[in-house]
C-alpha cells in the first residue's frame, strides 16, 4: 500500500478532512487521534472512542479542533508522509482500552513538543 502514496503526498501536510476520510474509509467511523508523550518519545495513537459514538464526550467542532492540533505537530516535525502511509496500512483496529500506536521519529524539533 505504500506504493499508492505519491511523492507529493508524502511531503504534503495532513489536514483534518483528509484524515477523517482515511478513518471513515478504513473503519467507517472517525476515531480520536492523540499524541502521547512517554519519556522523551512521542506517539500518535488512534484511540477507541469515535465521533459517531453516542457516548463520545466532545462535539464535532471540538473533535476537528483537537485533530487539527495533533496534525499541526505531525506536520511541523515532518512526519505527514509516514503518518499518511501508516493510516493506510495499519493492521487491526482500536479496541476498548487498546489504541493503535505509531512512534514518531523526528529531528531535534521533536524535543520542543516533549516537556
N, C-alpha and C. Protein backbone atom coordinates (compact mmCIF):
# COMPACT_ATOMS: atom_id res chain seq x y z
N UNK A 1 0.80 -1.19 0.00
CA UNK A 1 0.00 0.00 0.00
C UNK A 1 0.85 1.26 0.00
N UNK A 2 2.07 1.16 0.45
CA UNK A 2 2.93 2.33 0.45
C UNK A 2 3.10 2.89 -0.95
N UNK A 3 3.07 2.03 -1.94
CA UNK A 3 3.24 2.48 -3.31
C UNK A 3 2.07 3.33 -3.79
N UNK A 4 0.94 3.28 -3.10
CA UNK A 4 -0.21 4.06 -3.53
C UNK A 4 -0.12 5.52 -3.10
N UNK A 5 0.95 5.88 -2.40
CA UNK A 5 1.14 7.26 -1.98
C UNK A 5 2.18 7.89 -2.89
N UNK A 6 1.77 8.96 -3.56
CA UNK A 6 2.69 9.62 -4.47
C UNK A 6 3.73 10.40 -3.68
N UNK A 7 4.82 10.77 -4.35
CA UNK A 7 5.89 11.52 -3.69
C UNK A 7 5.36 12.84 -3.14
N UNK A 8 4.50 13.52 -3.88
CA UNK A 8 3.96 14.80 -3.40
C UNK A 8 3.09 14.60 -2.16
N UNK A 9 2.35 13.49 -2.09
CA UNK A 9 1.53 13.22 -0.92
C UNK A 9 2.38 12.95 0.31
N UNK A 10 3.58 12.41 0.10
CA UNK A 10 4.42 12.08 1.25
C UNK A 10 5.00 13.32 1.90
N UNK A 11 5.04 14.45 1.19
CA UNK A 11 5.57 15.67 1.79
C UNK A 11 4.49 16.71 2.05
N UNK A 12 3.31 16.52 1.50
CA UNK A 12 2.22 17.46 1.74
C UNK A 12 1.74 17.34 3.18
N UNK A 13 1.40 18.47 3.79
CA UNK A 13 0.87 18.38 5.16
C UNK A 13 -0.46 17.65 5.19
N UNK A 14 -0.70 16.97 6.29
CA UNK A 14 -2.01 16.33 6.51
C UNK A 14 -3.00 17.40 6.93
N UNK A 15 -4.25 17.22 6.52
CA UNK A 15 -5.29 18.12 7.02
C UNK A 15 -6.44 17.31 7.60
N UNK A 16 -7.28 18.01 8.33
CA UNK A 16 -8.36 17.37 9.08
C UNK A 16 -9.27 16.55 8.16
N UNK A 17 -9.70 17.15 7.06
CA UNK A 17 -10.63 16.45 6.15
C UNK A 17 -10.01 15.17 5.58
N UNK A 18 -8.73 15.24 5.22
CA UNK A 18 -8.06 14.07 4.66
C UNK A 18 -8.00 12.93 5.69
N UNK A 19 -7.64 13.25 6.92
CA UNK A 19 -7.53 12.22 7.95
C UNK A 19 -8.89 11.63 8.27
N UNK A 20 -9.91 12.46 8.36
CA UNK A 20 -11.27 11.95 8.61
C UNK A 20 -11.69 11.01 7.47
N UNK A 21 -11.36 11.37 6.23
CA UNK A 21 -11.68 10.48 5.09
C UNK A 21 -10.96 9.14 5.24
N UNK A 22 -9.66 9.18 5.61
CA UNK A 22 -8.90 7.93 5.83
C UNK A 22 -9.59 7.07 6.87
N UNK A 23 -9.92 7.68 8.00
CA UNK A 23 -10.52 6.93 9.11
C UNK A 23 -11.86 6.32 8.72
N UNK A 24 -12.71 7.12 8.10
CA UNK A 24 -14.05 6.64 7.73
C UNK A 24 -13.99 5.59 6.63
N UNK A 25 -13.06 5.75 5.69
CA UNK A 25 -12.93 4.75 4.63
C UNK A 25 -12.43 3.43 5.21
N UNK A 26 -11.50 3.52 6.13
CA UNK A 26 -10.88 2.32 6.70
C UNK A 26 -11.79 1.60 7.70
N UNK A 27 -12.39 2.39 8.63
CA UNK A 27 -13.15 1.76 9.71
C UNK A 27 -14.61 2.19 9.78
N UNK A 28 -15.01 3.13 8.94
CA UNK A 28 -16.40 3.57 8.92
C UNK A 28 -16.77 4.58 9.99
N UNK A 29 -15.79 4.98 10.81
CA UNK A 29 -16.03 5.96 11.87
C UNK A 29 -14.82 6.87 12.00
N UNK A 30 -14.99 7.98 12.72
CA UNK A 30 -13.93 8.97 12.93
C UNK A 30 -13.31 8.77 14.31
N UNK A 31 -12.31 7.90 14.38
CA UNK A 31 -11.64 7.64 15.65
C UNK A 31 -10.87 8.87 16.11
N UNK A 32 -10.72 8.97 17.42
CA UNK A 32 -9.96 10.06 18.01
C UNK A 32 -8.47 9.77 17.87
N UNK A 33 -7.69 10.78 17.48
CA UNK A 33 -6.24 10.68 17.42
C UNK A 33 -5.64 11.52 18.53
N UNK A 34 -4.63 10.99 19.18
CA UNK A 34 -3.96 11.71 20.27
C UNK A 34 -2.46 11.56 20.13
N UNK A 35 -1.77 12.57 20.63
CA UNK A 35 -0.32 12.48 20.79
C UNK A 35 -0.06 12.15 22.25
N UNK A 36 0.75 11.13 22.47
CA UNK A 36 1.06 10.69 23.82
C UNK A 36 2.57 10.76 24.00
N UNK A 37 3.00 11.41 25.08
CA UNK A 37 4.42 11.53 25.39
C UNK A 37 4.77 10.54 26.48
N UNK A 38 5.79 9.72 26.20
CA UNK A 38 6.31 8.77 27.19
C UNK A 38 7.82 8.96 27.23
N UNK A 39 8.29 9.51 28.34
CA UNK A 39 9.71 9.82 28.43
C UNK A 39 10.05 10.90 27.42
N UNK A 40 11.04 10.60 26.58
CA UNK A 40 11.43 11.56 25.54
C UNK A 40 10.90 11.16 24.17
N UNK A 41 9.94 10.26 24.17
CA UNK A 41 9.35 9.81 22.91
C UNK A 41 7.92 10.28 22.81
N UNK A 42 7.47 10.42 21.57
CA UNK A 42 6.09 10.84 21.32
C UNK A 42 5.46 9.84 20.36
N UNK A 43 4.21 9.52 20.63
CA UNK A 43 3.48 8.52 19.84
C UNK A 43 2.18 9.13 19.34
N UNK A 44 1.81 8.76 18.13
CA UNK A 44 0.48 9.05 17.62
C UNK A 44 -0.37 7.83 17.92
N UNK A 45 -1.50 8.05 18.57
CA UNK A 45 -2.37 6.93 18.89
C UNK A 45 -3.76 7.14 18.30
N UNK A 46 -4.30 6.07 17.73
CA UNK A 46 -5.69 6.05 17.31
C UNK A 46 -6.44 5.41 18.47
N UNK A 47 -7.28 6.20 19.11
CA UNK A 47 -8.00 5.75 20.30
C UNK A 47 -9.25 4.99 19.89
N UNK A 48 -9.89 4.36 20.85
CA UNK A 48 -11.07 3.55 20.56
C UNK A 48 -12.36 4.36 20.53
N UNK A 49 -12.36 5.57 21.08
CA UNK A 49 -13.56 6.42 21.02
C UNK A 49 -13.68 7.06 19.64
N UNK A 50 -14.89 7.30 19.21
CA UNK A 50 -15.08 7.90 17.89
C UNK A 50 -16.25 8.87 17.89
N UNK A 51 -16.17 9.82 16.98
CA UNK A 51 -17.12 10.92 16.90
C UNK A 51 -18.56 10.45 16.76
N UNK A 52 -18.81 9.41 16.02
CA UNK A 52 -20.16 8.95 15.76
C UNK A 52 -20.76 8.15 16.92
N UNK A 53 -19.98 7.91 17.94
CA UNK A 53 -20.40 7.14 19.11
C UNK A 53 -21.28 8.03 20.01
N UNK A 54 -22.44 7.52 20.44
CA UNK A 54 -23.35 8.32 21.27
C UNK A 54 -22.69 8.80 22.54
N UNK A 55 -21.83 8.01 23.14
CA UNK A 55 -21.22 8.38 24.41
C UNK A 55 -19.93 9.21 24.24
N UNK A 56 -19.55 9.53 23.00
CA UNK A 56 -18.35 10.33 22.77
C UNK A 56 -18.58 11.70 23.38
N UNK A 57 -17.65 12.16 24.19
CA UNK A 57 -17.91 13.32 25.04
C UNK A 57 -17.52 14.68 24.47
N UNK A 58 -17.19 14.76 23.17
CA UNK A 58 -16.91 16.08 22.59
C UNK A 58 -17.73 16.28 21.32
N UNK A 59 -17.92 17.54 20.98
CA UNK A 59 -18.69 17.90 19.79
C UNK A 59 -17.84 17.72 18.54
N UNK A 60 -18.49 17.74 17.39
CA UNK A 60 -17.76 17.62 16.13
C UNK A 60 -16.78 18.78 15.97
N UNK A 61 -17.18 19.96 16.36
CA UNK A 61 -16.30 21.13 16.27
C UNK A 61 -15.05 20.92 17.13
N UNK A 62 -15.23 20.48 18.37
CA UNK A 62 -14.09 20.22 19.26
C UNK A 62 -13.22 19.08 18.74
N UNK A 63 -13.85 18.05 18.18
CA UNK A 63 -13.12 16.93 17.60
C UNK A 63 -12.19 17.45 16.49
N UNK A 64 -12.73 18.27 15.60
CA UNK A 64 -11.94 18.81 14.48
C UNK A 64 -10.82 19.72 14.98
N UNK A 65 -11.09 20.51 16.00
CA UNK A 65 -10.06 21.37 16.58
C UNK A 65 -8.94 20.55 17.21
N UNK A 66 -9.30 19.52 17.95
CA UNK A 66 -8.29 18.64 18.57
C UNK A 66 -7.46 17.93 17.50
N UNK A 67 -8.13 17.42 16.47
CA UNK A 67 -7.43 16.75 15.38
C UNK A 67 -6.49 17.72 14.66
N UNK A 68 -6.93 18.94 14.48
CA UNK A 68 -6.10 19.96 13.83
C UNK A 68 -4.82 20.22 14.63
N UNK A 69 -4.93 20.25 15.95
CA UNK A 69 -3.74 20.46 16.80
C UNK A 69 -2.77 19.29 16.70
N UNK A 70 -3.30 18.08 16.67
CA UNK A 70 -2.46 16.89 16.52
C UNK A 70 -1.74 16.93 15.18
N UNK A 71 -2.47 17.26 14.12
CA UNK A 71 -1.88 17.29 12.78
C UNK A 71 -0.87 18.42 12.63
N UNK A 72 -1.07 19.50 13.33
CA UNK A 72 -0.10 20.60 13.29
C UNK A 72 1.27 20.12 13.79
N UNK A 73 1.28 19.37 14.87
CA UNK A 73 2.53 18.83 15.40
C UNK A 73 3.15 17.86 14.39
N UNK A 74 2.34 16.95 13.88
CA UNK A 74 2.82 15.96 12.91
C UNK A 74 3.43 16.65 11.69
N UNK A 75 2.75 17.65 11.19
CA UNK A 75 3.24 18.38 10.01
C UNK A 75 4.52 19.15 10.33
N UNK A 76 4.59 19.75 11.49
CA UNK A 76 5.76 20.56 11.87
C UNK A 76 7.01 19.71 12.06
N UNK A 77 6.85 18.47 12.47
CA UNK A 77 8.03 17.61 12.64
C UNK A 77 8.33 16.80 11.37
N UNK A 78 7.59 17.07 10.32
CA UNK A 78 7.87 16.43 9.03
C UNK A 78 7.46 14.97 8.92
N UNK A 79 6.44 14.57 9.65
CA UNK A 79 6.03 13.17 9.66
C UNK A 79 4.73 12.91 8.88
N UNK A 80 4.27 13.86 8.11
CA UNK A 80 2.98 13.69 7.43
C UNK A 80 2.98 12.49 6.49
N UNK A 81 4.05 12.29 5.75
CA UNK A 81 4.11 11.15 4.83
C UNK A 81 4.08 9.81 5.55
N UNK A 82 4.83 9.71 6.64
CA UNK A 82 4.88 8.48 7.40
C UNK A 82 3.52 8.18 8.05
N UNK A 83 2.88 9.22 8.57
CA UNK A 83 1.57 9.04 9.20
C UNK A 83 0.54 8.67 8.15
N UNK A 84 0.59 9.32 7.01
CA UNK A 84 -0.34 9.02 5.91
C UNK A 84 -0.21 7.54 5.51
N UNK A 85 1.02 7.08 5.35
CA UNK A 85 1.26 5.68 4.97
C UNK A 85 0.76 4.74 6.06
N UNK A 86 1.04 5.08 7.31
CA UNK A 86 0.61 4.25 8.44
C UNK A 86 -0.91 4.14 8.48
N UNK A 87 -1.60 5.26 8.28
CA UNK A 87 -3.07 5.23 8.29
C UNK A 87 -3.63 4.30 7.22
N UNK A 88 -2.92 4.19 6.11
CA UNK A 88 -3.38 3.32 5.02
C UNK A 88 -3.08 1.85 5.27
N UNK A 89 -2.07 1.55 6.06
CA UNK A 89 -1.65 0.15 6.18
C UNK A 89 -1.72 -0.43 7.58
N UNK A 90 -2.06 0.36 8.58
CA UNK A 90 -2.06 -0.14 9.95
C UNK A 90 -2.98 -1.35 10.08
N UNK A 91 -2.50 -2.34 10.80
CA UNK A 91 -3.27 -3.58 10.98
C UNK A 91 -4.20 -3.45 12.19
N UNK A 92 -5.25 -4.18 12.19
CA UNK A 92 -6.18 -4.20 13.31
C UNK A 92 -7.05 -2.96 13.37
N UNK A 93 -7.65 -2.79 14.53
CA UNK A 93 -8.46 -1.60 14.77
C UNK A 93 -8.44 -1.32 16.26
N UNK A 94 -8.65 -0.07 16.62
CA UNK A 94 -8.65 0.25 18.05
C UNK A 94 -9.78 -0.49 18.76
N UNK A 95 -9.50 -0.94 19.95
CA UNK A 95 -10.50 -1.63 20.77
C UNK A 95 -10.48 -0.98 22.15
N UNK A 96 -11.55 -1.12 22.87
CA UNK A 96 -11.66 -0.53 24.20
C UNK A 96 -10.42 -0.86 25.03
N UNK A 97 -9.74 0.18 25.47
CA UNK A 97 -8.54 0.00 26.28
C UNK A 97 -7.27 -0.29 25.50
N UNK A 98 -7.36 -0.37 24.17
CA UNK A 98 -6.20 -0.70 23.34
C UNK A 98 -6.17 0.18 22.09
N UNK A 99 -5.32 1.18 22.13
CA UNK A 99 -5.16 2.08 20.99
C UNK A 99 -4.14 1.51 20.01
N UNK A 100 -4.20 1.96 18.78
CA UNK A 100 -3.14 1.67 17.81
C UNK A 100 -2.11 2.77 17.96
N UNK A 101 -0.83 2.42 17.93
CA UNK A 101 0.20 3.39 18.27
C UNK A 101 1.32 3.42 17.23
N UNK A 102 1.74 4.64 16.86
CA UNK A 102 2.85 4.85 15.93
C UNK A 102 3.88 5.73 16.62
N UNK A 103 5.10 5.20 16.85
CA UNK A 103 6.15 6.06 17.41
C UNK A 103 6.57 7.08 16.36
N UNK A 104 6.63 8.33 16.74
CA UNK A 104 7.02 9.38 15.81
C UNK A 104 8.51 9.64 15.93
N UNK A 105 9.17 9.63 14.80
CA UNK A 105 10.60 9.92 14.76
C UNK A 105 10.76 11.28 14.12
N UNK A 106 11.36 12.15 14.83
CA UNK A 106 11.58 13.48 14.29
C UNK A 106 13.01 13.91 14.51
N UNK A 107 13.34 15.07 14.02
CA UNK A 107 14.67 15.61 14.25
C UNK A 107 14.68 16.31 15.62
N UNK A 108 15.59 17.20 15.83
CA UNK A 108 15.71 17.90 17.10
C UNK A 108 14.46 18.72 17.44
N UNK A 109 13.67 19.07 16.42
CA UNK A 109 12.47 19.88 16.67
C UNK A 109 11.42 19.10 17.48
N UNK A 110 11.53 17.78 17.50
CA UNK A 110 10.59 16.96 18.26
C UNK A 110 10.68 17.28 19.74
N UNK A 111 11.89 17.62 20.21
CA UNK A 111 12.07 17.91 21.64
C UNK A 111 11.23 19.11 22.09
N UNK A 112 10.91 20.01 21.18
CA UNK A 112 10.10 21.18 21.56
C UNK A 112 8.69 20.76 21.98
N UNK A 113 8.25 19.59 21.55
CA UNK A 113 6.91 19.12 21.89
C UNK A 113 6.91 18.19 23.11
N UNK A 114 8.09 17.79 23.54
CA UNK A 114 8.23 16.89 24.69
C UNK A 114 8.74 17.71 25.87
N UNK A 115 7.88 17.90 26.84
CA UNK A 115 8.25 18.72 28.00
C UNK A 115 8.56 17.84 29.18
